[in-house]
Every structure is written in C-alpha cells, then in structure tokens.
Amino acid sequence: QVQLVQSGGGLVQAGGSLRLSCAASGRAFSRYAMGWFRQTPGKEREFVGAKSWSDLSTYYADSVKGRFTISRDNAKNTVYLQMNSLKPEDTAVYYCGAGSRPFSSDYRLPVLYDYWGQGTQVTVSS
C-alpha cells in the first residue's frame, strides 16, 4: 500500500513558477513509476508527465514540454513537478500518481496508476 500526499500549488501570475511535491509513504517507492495529471471541471484527467522508477525515462505532454520538469528523490520518497512559464490554461487541479507496471508511454493513461494523491489546485492569473 502506498499513500501519496501532495503539497505546493496555489495562485500565481502568468509567466511565474510553482513547484508541486508528492510525498509517498509505504514500501518500495523507488519501484513505482510516478506521473502527474491535471483536471479541470467537466473534463477528463489530462496527462502532464511521467517518470520511470529508475529515473532514466520521462514523458511529457506536448503542452508542457520545455516548461515543466519532473524530478524524483527516492531517498526522500518524493516526486516533484517544477512548473515554469505558467499560462492561464495550466489552471487545474493537479494529481500525482504511482504505478507498479513496467514503464512505457502507456503511463499517459490514468488507468496505469495504482495510487493517487489528493490533488492540489493551481491557478494561473492572466
């Protein structure tokens, strides 16, 4: 069993930066692929990015590529989402997820994840 607790987020002006954190409790965090998704009211959860447990592979959505960076610190059981050059369209509730299946581009799909964080609001004002 893995529990994910998110922190960070809030209100920022367009062009600003925020960092989200996702801390995991439980066993074998380093064996889980970690991903970030976001969701706005009435829409499906949208893939943002995912990183393999080995930290060797990372995928990003085209909409955030070059602006967002996922990093993980397995010693601290924490994964981060650094968001730079934020845009109003980045406004959403952001979720982290952990998946135990072999890492691949399929991690763009929410169904691959076994555990989810509680979500955190990010609001970007214009």
Protein backbone atom coordinates (compact mmCIF):
# COMPACT_ATOMS: atom_id res chain seq x y z
CA GLN A 1 0.00 0.00 0.00
CA VAL A 2 1.28 3.47 -0.92
CA GLN A 3 -0.14 6.76 0.24
CA LEU A 4 0.61 9.91 -1.70
CA VAL A 5 0.38 13.33 -0.07
CA GLN A 6 0.66 16.38 -2.25
CA SER A 7 1.79 19.88 -1.34
CA GLY A 8 2.50 23.10 -3.15
CA GLY A 9 0.26 24.77 -5.65
CA GLY A 10 -1.67 27.99 -5.22
CA LEU A 11 -2.15 31.19 -7.16
CA VAL A 12 0.49 32.63 -9.48
CA GLN A 13 0.60 35.18 -12.27
CA ALA A 14 1.16 34.14 -15.83
CA GLY A 15 4.85 33.63 -16.50
CA GLY A 16 5.52 32.62 -12.93
CA SER A 17 6.65 29.35 -11.42
CA LEU A 18 5.39 26.83 -8.91
CA ARG A 19 6.65 23.53 -7.60
CA LEU A 20 4.41 20.70 -6.57
CA SER A 21 5.54 17.90 -4.30
CA CYS A 22 4.19 14.41 -3.88
CA ALA A 23 5.45 12.50 -0.86
CA ALA A 24 4.91 8.78 -0.66
CA SER A 25 4.61 6.60 2.39
CA GLY A 26 4.78 2.86 2.32
CA ARG A 27 7.15 0.37 0.86
CA ALA A 28 9.21 0.33 -2.29
CA PHE A 29 8.52 3.86 -3.52
CA SER A 30 11.61 3.61 -5.70
CA ARG A 31 9.96 0.78 -7.63
CA TYR A 32 6.99 2.86 -8.72
CA ALA A 33 6.74 4.95 -11.83
CA MET A 34 5.36 8.36 -10.95
CA GLY A 35 3.15 10.59 -13.00
CA TRP A 36 1.38 13.92 -12.90
CA PHE A 37 -2.05 14.65 -14.29
CA ARG A 38 -4.36 17.64 -14.18
CA GLN A 39 -8.07 18.07 -14.35
CA THR A 40 -10.49 20.94 -14.87
CA PRO A 41 -14.23 20.83 -14.16
CA GLY A 42 -16.17 18.74 -16.64
CA LYS A 43 -13.07 17.35 -18.32
CA GLU A 44 -11.18 14.11 -18.10
CA ARG A 45 -7.90 13.84 -16.26
CA GLU A 46 -5.15 15.05 -18.58
CA PHE A 47 -1.64 13.64 -18.70
CA VAL A 48 1.14 16.07 -17.78
CA GLY A 49 4.21 13.88 -17.43
CA ALA A 50 5.58 10.65 -16.02
CA LYS A 51 8.94 9.36 -14.87
CA SER A 52 10.17 5.82 -14.56
CA TRP A 53 11.21 4.32 -11.24
CA SER A 54 14.81 4.23 -12.47
CA ASP A 55 14.69 7.95 -13.30
CA LEU A 56 16.02 7.11 -16.76
CA SER A 57 12.89 7.78 -18.77
CA THR A 58 10.45 10.66 -18.72
CA TYR A 59 7.48 11.53 -20.87
CA TYR A 60 5.79 14.92 -21.08
CA ALA A 61 2.65 16.16 -22.71
CA ASP A 62 3.36 18.42 -25.65
CA SER A 63 1.50 21.24 -23.91
CA VAL A 64 4.04 21.38 -21.06
CA LYS A 65 7.22 20.19 -22.72
CA GLY A 66 10.05 22.64 -22.12
CA ARG A 67 8.18 24.35 -19.28
CA PHE A 68 7.53 21.59 -16.75
CA THR A 69 10.08 19.23 -15.24
CA ILE A 70 9.52 16.10 -13.19
CA SER A 71 12.16 15.02 -10.74
CA ARG A 72 12.23 12.42 -8.04
CA ASP A 73 14.23 11.88 -4.90
CA ASN A 74 13.92 8.23 -3.98
CA ALA A 75 15.80 8.80 -0.73
CA LYS A 76 13.03 11.18 0.32
CA ASN A 77 10.21 9.18 -1.30
CA THR A 78 9.18 12.33 -3.10
CA VAL A 79 8.48 13.35 -6.67
CA TYR A 80 8.33 16.96 -7.80
CA LEU A 81 6.72 18.86 -10.63
CA GLN A 82 8.52 22.11 -11.37
CA MET A 83 6.29 24.36 -13.44
CA ASN A 84 7.80 27.38 -15.16
CA SER A 85 6.41 29.93 -17.60
CA LEU A 86 2.93 29.16 -16.38
CA LYS A 87 -0.04 30.06 -18.52
CA PRO A 88 -3.69 30.60 -17.59
CA GLU A 89 -4.54 27.38 -19.42
CA ASP A 90 -2.40 25.49 -16.90
CA THR A 91 -5.03 26.24 -14.28
CA ALA A 92 -6.31 22.93 -12.94
CA VAL A 93 -6.27 20.53 -10.05
CA TYR A 94 -3.04 18.58 -10.29
CA TYR A 95 -2.72 14.96 -9.20
CA CYS A 96 0.27 12.73 -8.73
CA GLY A 97 0.01 9.02 -9.30
CA ALA A 98 2.12 5.91 -8.71
CA GLY A 99 2.13 2.84 -10.91
CA SER A 100 3.82 -0.53 -10.49
CA ARG A 101 3.63 -1.81 -14.07
CA PRO A 102 6.66 -1.68 -16.38
CA PHE A 103 7.24 1.86 -17.54
CA SER A 104 6.21 2.80 -21.04
CA SER A 105 4.37 5.50 -22.93
CA ASP A 106 1.18 3.85 -21.64
CA TYR A 107 1.76 5.82 -18.46
CA ARG A 108 -0.02 8.63 -20.28
CA LEU A 109 -3.19 6.77 -19.31
CA PRO A 110 -4.69 7.18 -15.83
CA VAL A 111 -5.67 3.50 -15.76
CA LEU A 112 -1.99 2.51 -15.39
CA TYR A 113 -1.78 4.08 -11.93
CA ASP A 114 -2.41 2.21 -8.72
CA TYR A 115 -2.43 5.12 -6.29
CA TRP A 116 -3.31 8.80 -6.43
CA GLY A 117 -2.60 11.87 -4.38
CA GLN A 118 -5.39 14.05 -3.05
CA GLY A 119 -4.97 16.74 -5.69
CA THR A 120 -3.83 20.33 -5.37
CA GLN A 121 -5.19 23.45 -7.03
CA VAL A 122 -3.01 25.51 -9.34
CA THR A 123 -4.45 28.80 -10.54
CA VAL A 124 -2.64 30.98 -13.05
CA SER A 125 -3.97 34.50 -13.46
CA SER A 126 -3.54 36.48 -16.65
